[in-house]
Amino acid sequence: MDAPPSPDPALVPAAGLLLALSTAPPGRARELARTLVEEGLAACVSLVPGVRSLFVWQGELCDEPETLLLIKAPRRDAARLAARWRELHPYEVPEWLTFAPDQAAAAYLAWALSTSTKTPADGGPEPPGR
């Protein structure tokens, strides 16, 4: 189903953009975000500190401080981004939820889609540290 037409001509369908949500320990979130951006897997990662997560892990109720990460990336890199997140993240089972935005500001969308590196198969460089 297509997104409804926008009343704002500056907004366009956000085809190709991915929004991923995850959490990380406060002391690691900035490092994780920086790595994703430096490696060209994410255009931008916004950090929202002060989140508390309550969940059951291995039969125990946990109440943990965390930082929420809002990861904006080209959808074409979704598999590489998710795989790298699992490699970097300190949790055994890191939260990873993805969404496809309906619309975005045209200039932001163009910028976000231009920031990702090409895959090595496309002649792009290997991400640093590989």
Protein backbone atom coordinates (compact mmCIF):
# COMPACT_ATOMS: atom_id res chain seq x y z
CA MET A 1 0.00 0.00 0.00
CA ASP A 2 1.41 3.37 -1.01
CA ALA A 3 1.79 6.20 1.45
CA PRO A 4 -0.89 8.87 1.14
CA PRO A 5 0.14 11.96 -0.82
CA SER A 6 1.90 14.48 1.35
CA PRO A 7 0.40 17.95 1.81
CA ASP A 8 4.00 19.18 2.11
CA PRO A 9 5.84 19.09 -1.25
CA ALA A 10 9.16 18.86 0.62
CA LEU A 11 8.15 15.37 1.78
CA VAL A 12 8.60 12.44 -0.55
CA PRO A 13 8.05 8.69 -0.30
CA ALA A 14 10.92 7.29 1.75
CA ALA A 15 11.58 4.30 -0.47
CA GLY A 16 15.03 2.99 0.23
CA LEU A 17 15.33 4.28 3.79
CA LEU A 18 15.45 2.04 6.85
CA LEU A 19 14.96 3.00 10.49
CA ALA A 20 16.34 0.52 12.99
CA LEU A 21 15.83 0.68 16.75
CA SER A 22 18.06 -0.92 19.31
CA THR A 23 19.35 -0.40 22.82
CA ALA A 24 22.84 -0.66 24.26
CA PRO A 25 24.57 -0.19 27.59
CA PRO A 26 25.12 3.56 28.16
CA GLY A 27 28.89 3.15 28.23
CA ARG A 28 28.98 1.43 24.81
CA ALA A 29 26.25 3.18 22.79
CA ARG A 30 28.36 6.05 21.43
CA GLU A 31 31.16 3.71 20.34
CA LEU A 32 28.67 1.40 18.58
CA ALA A 33 26.99 4.33 16.81
CA ARG A 34 30.29 5.82 15.72
CA THR A 35 31.45 2.50 14.26
CA LEU A 36 28.29 2.12 12.15
CA VAL A 37 28.65 5.64 10.77
CA GLU A 38 32.41 5.41 10.18
CA GLU A 39 32.00 2.10 8.35
CA GLY A 40 29.35 3.63 6.08
CA LEU A 41 26.58 1.32 7.26
CA ALA A 42 24.44 4.07 8.79
CA ALA A 43 23.87 7.63 7.65
CA CYS A 44 23.07 8.81 11.17
CA VAL A 45 22.59 7.30 14.60
CA SER A 46 20.71 9.31 17.20
CA LEU A 47 21.39 8.40 20.83
CA VAL A 48 18.62 8.78 23.40
CA PRO A 49 20.08 8.34 26.89
CA GLY A 50 18.19 7.59 30.06
CA VAL A 51 16.07 4.67 28.84
CA ARG A 52 15.20 1.92 31.33
CA SER A 53 14.35 -1.52 30.04
CA LEU A 54 12.48 -4.12 32.07
CA PHE A 55 12.59 -7.68 30.73
CA VAL A 56 12.97 -11.28 31.79
CA TRP A 57 16.32 -12.85 30.92
CA GLN A 58 17.14 -16.45 31.84
CA GLY A 59 14.26 -16.52 34.33
CA GLU A 60 15.26 -13.31 36.12
CA LEU A 61 13.46 -9.97 36.03
CA CYS A 62 15.95 -7.35 34.86
CA ASP A 63 15.70 -3.57 35.19
CA GLU A 64 18.59 -2.04 33.23
CA PRO A 65 19.65 1.47 32.22
CA GLU A 66 20.17 1.64 28.48
CA THR A 67 20.61 4.08 25.63
CA LEU A 68 18.14 3.93 22.73
CA LEU A 69 19.71 4.09 19.28
CA LEU A 70 17.74 5.35 16.27
CA ILE A 71 19.71 4.13 13.27
CA LYS A 72 18.94 5.64 9.85
CA ALA A 73 20.41 3.77 6.90
CA PRO A 74 19.84 2.88 3.27
CA ARG A 75 17.63 -0.19 3.07
CA ARG A 76 20.02 -1.75 0.53
CA ASP A 77 22.51 -2.19 3.39
CA ALA A 78 20.04 -3.80 5.83
CA ALA A 79 21.63 -7.27 5.90
CA ARG A 80 25.19 -5.92 6.29
CA LEU A 81 24.04 -3.48 8.97
CA ALA A 82 22.23 -6.16 11.00
CA ALA A 83 25.15 -8.59 10.73
CA ARG A 84 27.64 -5.95 11.85
CA TRP A 85 25.37 -4.94 14.74
CA ARG A 86 25.34 -8.53 16.00
CA GLU A 87 29.15 -8.65 15.78
CA LEU A 88 29.66 -5.38 17.66
CA HIS A 89 26.94 -5.55 20.31
CA PRO A 90 27.88 -6.84 23.77
CA TYR A 91 24.49 -8.51 24.41
CA GLU A 92 23.95 -12.15 23.57
CA VAL A 93 20.56 -11.23 22.06
CA PRO A 94 20.59 -7.54 21.10
CA GLU A 95 17.31 -5.83 20.33
CA TRP A 96 16.94 -5.18 16.58
CA LEU A 97 13.70 -3.78 15.16
CA THR A 98 13.43 -2.25 11.70
CA PHE A 99 10.83 0.00 10.16
CA ALA A 100 10.25 1.42 6.70
CA PRO A 101 9.31 5.11 6.97
CA ASP A 102 6.47 6.24 4.69
CA GLN A 103 7.85 9.70 3.98
CA ALA A 104 10.94 11.80 4.55
CA ALA A 105 12.13 15.28 3.78
CA ALA A 106 13.45 15.12 0.23
CA ALA A 107 16.84 16.66 1.05
CA TYR A 108 17.34 14.41 4.08
CA LEU A 109 16.43 11.30 2.12
CA ALA A 110 18.85 12.18 -0.68
CA TRP A 111 21.63 12.79 1.84
CA ALA A 112 20.93 9.62 3.85
CA LEU A 113 20.90 7.43 0.77
CA SER A 114 24.17 8.92 -0.49
CA THR A 115 26.18 8.31 2.71
CA SER A 116 26.50 4.54 2.63
CA THR A 117 29.56 2.91 1.16
CA LYS A 118 29.21 0.53 -1.74
CA THR A 119 29.63 -3.15 -0.99
CA PRO A 120 32.99 -4.70 -1.89
CA ALA A 121 31.20 -6.64 -4.67
CA ASP A 122 30.18 -3.26 -6.17
CA GLY A 123 33.78 -2.06 -6.18
CA GLY A 124 33.52 -0.28 -2.85
CA PRO A 125 36.06 -0.54 -0.04
CA GLU A 126 35.92 -3.10 2.74
CA PRO A 127 34.68 -1.45 5.95
CA PRO A 128 37.56 -0.45 8.26
CA GLY A 129 38.55 -3.14 10.72
CA ARG A 130 37.59 -6.05 8.47
